[in-house]
Amino acid sequence: MMKILDIGHKNLFLDEAISFLETEVSDAMYSGNIQAMKIIHGHGSGALRRAVRDWCNDQHGRFKAIILGEDYDMFHPDSVAMRSECGLPYDPDFGKRNSAITYIWF
């Protein structure tokens, strides 16, 4: 199962958004039901996208993969493997090269 987390449209300050992300990721991982998370950070100025992706990269080794929305397609091995393992038959962003989202595979 994949959880969708929209932090790009909550009007949070950057530090609040990252704190919210940390909490949601920890809760999802602890629950055991969630295998992946789709984080919608939006386009905007790009500050939130950079902060989310920096945070993900700082968690090196914690996740199976971090998949950038612009790489999320049938030619990206982690994208295909995540979709298969998580049983995700349909995602409207698959193959859309959407830089406003980032995926975390637990």
C-alpha atoms as a PDB file:
ATOM      1  CA  MET A   1       0.000   0.000   0.000  1.00  0.00           C
ATOM      2  CA  MET A   2       1.158   3.549  -0.738  1.00  0.00           C
ATOM      3  CA  LYS A   3       0.342   6.570   1.382  1.00  0.00           C
ATOM      4  CA  ILE A   4      -0.043   9.967  -0.267  1.00  0.00           C
ATOM      5  CA  LEU A   5       1.267  12.910   1.741  1.00  0.00           C
ATOM      6  CA  ASP A   6       0.536  16.396   0.406  1.00  0.00           C
ATOM      7  CA  ILE A   7       2.751  18.896   2.188  1.00  0.00           C
ATOM      8  CA  GLY A   8       2.949  21.299  -0.719  1.00  0.00           C
ATOM      9  CA  HIS A   9      -0.538  22.705  -0.234  1.00  0.00           C
ATOM     10  CA  LYS A  10      -0.638  23.063   3.570  1.00  0.00           C
ATOM     11  CA  ASN A  11       0.946  26.526   3.785  1.00  0.00           C
ATOM     12  CA  LEU A  12       3.537  25.292   6.278  1.00  0.00           C
ATOM     13  CA  PHE A  13       6.846  26.961   6.960  1.00  0.00           C
ATOM     14  CA  LEU A  14       9.758  24.924   5.636  1.00  0.00           C
ATOM     15  CA  ASP A  15      10.839  23.615   9.038  1.00  0.00           C
ATOM     16  CA  GLU A  16       7.228  22.707   9.900  1.00  0.00           C
ATOM     17  CA  ALA A  17       6.836  20.845   6.610  1.00  0.00           C
ATOM     18  CA  ILE A  18       9.989  18.794   7.197  1.00  0.00           C
ATOM     19  CA  SER A  19       8.976  18.048  10.779  1.00  0.00           C
ATOM     20  CA  PHE A  20       5.548  16.916   9.527  1.00  0.00           C
ATOM     21  CA  LEU A  21       7.258  14.754   6.882  1.00  0.00           C
ATOM     22  CA  GLU A  22       9.537  13.146   9.491  1.00  0.00           C
ATOM     23  CA  THR A  23       6.559  12.288  11.695  1.00  0.00           C
ATOM     24  CA  GLU A  24       4.464  10.886   8.848  1.00  0.00           C
ATOM     25  CA  VAL A  25       7.321   8.763   7.496  1.00  0.00           C
ATOM     26  CA  SER A  26       8.086   7.352  10.956  1.00  0.00           C
ATOM     27  CA  ASP A  27       4.397   6.594  11.582  1.00  0.00           C
ATOM     28  CA  ALA A  28       4.032   4.921   8.182  1.00  0.00           C
ATOM     29  CA  MET A  29       7.123   2.783   8.687  1.00  0.00           C
ATOM     30  CA  TYR A  30       6.078   1.829  12.206  1.00  0.00           C
ATOM     31  CA  SER A  31       2.552   0.839  11.113  1.00  0.00           C
ATOM     32  CA  GLY A  32       3.911  -1.925   8.895  1.00  0.00           C
ATOM     33  CA  ASN A  33       1.014  -1.505   6.429  1.00  0.00           C
ATOM     34  CA  ILE A  34       2.593   1.188   4.270  1.00  0.00           C
ATOM     35  CA  GLN A  35       5.248   0.133   1.754  1.00  0.00           C
ATOM     36  CA  ALA A  36       5.721   3.443  -0.040  1.00  0.00           C
ATOM     37  CA  MET A  37       4.906   7.120   0.300  1.00  0.00           C
ATOM     38  CA  LYS A  38       4.134   9.624  -2.417  1.00  0.00           C
ATOM     39  CA  ILE A  39       5.129  13.077  -1.209  1.00  0.00           C
ATOM     40  CA  ILE A  40       3.535  15.986  -3.012  1.00  0.00           C
ATOM     41  CA  HIS A  41       5.723  19.016  -2.410  1.00  0.00           C
ATOM     42  CA  GLY A  42       4.579  21.024  -5.408  1.00  0.00           C
ATOM     43  CA  HIS A  43       6.526  23.189  -7.813  1.00  0.00           C
ATOM     44  CA  GLY A  44       6.486  26.651  -6.229  1.00  0.00           C
ATOM     45  CA  SER A  45       9.883  28.238  -5.724  1.00  0.00           C
ATOM     46  CA  GLY A  46      11.508  24.804  -5.424  1.00  0.00           C
ATOM     47  CA  ALA A  47      12.584  25.343  -1.805  1.00  0.00           C
ATOM     48  CA  LEU A  48      10.263  22.670  -0.401  1.00  0.00           C
ATOM     49  CA  ARG A  49      11.223  20.182  -3.140  1.00  0.00           C
ATOM     50  CA  ARG A  50      14.922  20.704  -2.346  1.00  0.00           C
ATOM     51  CA  ALA A  51      14.287  20.419   1.405  1.00  0.00           C
ATOM     52  CA  VAL A  52      12.289  17.181   1.011  1.00  0.00           C
ATOM     53  CA  ARG A  53      14.875  15.624  -1.266  1.00  0.00           C
ATOM     54  CA  ASP A  54      17.765  16.751   0.941  1.00  0.00           C
ATOM     55  CA  TRP A  55      15.996  15.245   3.956  1.00  0.00           C
ATOM     56  CA  CYS A  56      15.462  11.979   2.054  1.00  0.00           C
ATOM     57  CA  ASN A  57      19.125  11.863   1.042  1.00  0.00           C
ATOM     58  CA  ASP A  58      20.168  12.537   4.646  1.00  0.00           C
ATOM     59  CA  GLN A  59      18.288   9.347   5.628  1.00  0.00           C
ATOM     60  CA  HIS A  60      20.760   7.235   3.620  1.00  0.00           C
ATOM     61  CA  GLY A  61      20.156   3.528   4.215  1.00  0.00           C
ATOM     62  CA  ARG A  62      16.757   3.990   5.868  1.00  0.00           C
ATOM     63  CA  PHE A  63      14.731   3.405   2.677  1.00  0.00           C
ATOM     64  CA  LYS A  64      14.887   0.895  -0.162  1.00  0.00           C
ATOM     65  CA  ALA A  65      14.760   3.757  -2.634  1.00  0.00           C
ATOM     66  CA  ILE A  66      14.019   7.423  -3.127  1.00  0.00           C
ATOM     67  CA  ILE A  67      12.436   8.006  -6.515  1.00  0.00           C
ATOM     68  CA  LEU A  68      12.175  11.473  -7.989  1.00  0.00           C
ATOM     69  CA  GLY A  69       8.912  12.183  -9.765  1.00  0.00           C
ATOM     70  CA  GLU A  70      10.743  13.088 -12.946  1.00  0.00           C
ATOM     71  CA  ASP A  71      12.342   9.595 -12.953  1.00  0.00           C
ATOM     72  CA  TYR A  72       9.162   7.654 -12.081  1.00  0.00           C
ATOM     73  CA  ASP A  73       8.532   5.630 -15.236  1.00  0.00           C
ATOM     74  CA  MET A  74       8.844   2.160 -16.754  1.00  0.00           C
ATOM     75  CA  PHE A  75      12.530   2.719 -17.572  1.00  0.00           C
ATOM     76  CA  HIS A  76      13.525   3.336 -13.941  1.00  0.00           C
ATOM     77  CA  PRO A  77      14.309  -0.020 -12.228  1.00  0.00           C
ATOM     78  CA  ASP A  78      13.379   1.119  -8.708  1.00  0.00           C
ATOM     79  CA  SER A  79      10.076   2.541  -9.961  1.00  0.00           C
ATOM     80  CA  VAL A  80       9.140  -0.740 -11.605  1.00  0.00           C
ATOM     81  CA  ALA A  81      10.260  -2.813  -8.611  1.00  0.00           C
ATOM     82  CA  MET A  82       8.402  -0.611  -6.101  1.00  0.00           C
ATOM     83  CA  ARG A  83       5.182  -0.709  -8.122  1.00  0.00           C
ATOM     84  CA  SER A  84       5.427  -4.489  -8.420  1.00  0.00           C
ATOM     85  CA  GLU A  85       6.239  -5.169  -4.759  1.00  0.00           C
ATOM     86  CA  CYS A  86       3.625  -2.725  -3.462  1.00  0.00           C
ATOM     87  CA  GLY A  87       0.894  -3.883  -5.859  1.00  0.00           C
ATOM     88  CA  LEU A  88       0.388  -0.460  -7.418  1.00  0.00           C
ATOM     89  CA  PRO A  89      -1.425  -1.125 -10.677  1.00  0.00           C
ATOM     90  CA  TYR A  90      -2.285   2.522 -11.327  1.00  0.00           C
ATOM     91  CA  ASP A  91      -0.762   5.865 -10.426  1.00  0.00           C
ATOM     92  CA  PRO A  92      -1.725   8.895 -12.531  1.00  0.00           C
ATOM     93  CA  ASP A  93       1.809  10.284 -12.151  1.00  0.00           C
ATOM     94  CA  PHE A  94       3.553   7.196 -13.518  1.00  0.00           C
ATOM     95  CA  GLY A  95       5.455   8.243 -16.630  1.00  0.00           C
ATOM     96  CA  LYS A  96       4.464  11.929 -16.312  1.00  0.00           C
ATOM     97  CA  ARG A  97       7.941  13.181 -15.266  1.00  0.00           C
ATOM     98  CA  ASN A  98       6.331  15.213 -12.485  1.00  0.00           C
ATOM     99  CA  SER A  99       9.012  17.073 -10.507  1.00  0.00           C
ATOM    100  CA  ALA A 100       6.394  18.170  -7.943  1.00  0.00           C
ATOM    101  CA  ILE A 101       6.486  14.739  -6.267  1.00  0.00           C
ATOM    102  CA  THR A 102       8.998  12.425  -4.629  1.00  0.00           C
ATOM    103  CA  TYR A 103       8.456   8.769  -3.730  1.00  0.00           C
ATOM    104  CA  ILE A 104       9.924   6.896  -0.788  1.00  0.00           C
ATOM    105  CA  TRP A 105       9.964   3.104  -0.909  1.00  0.00           C
ATOM    106  CA  PHE A 106      10.247   1.604   2.585  1.00  0.00           C
END
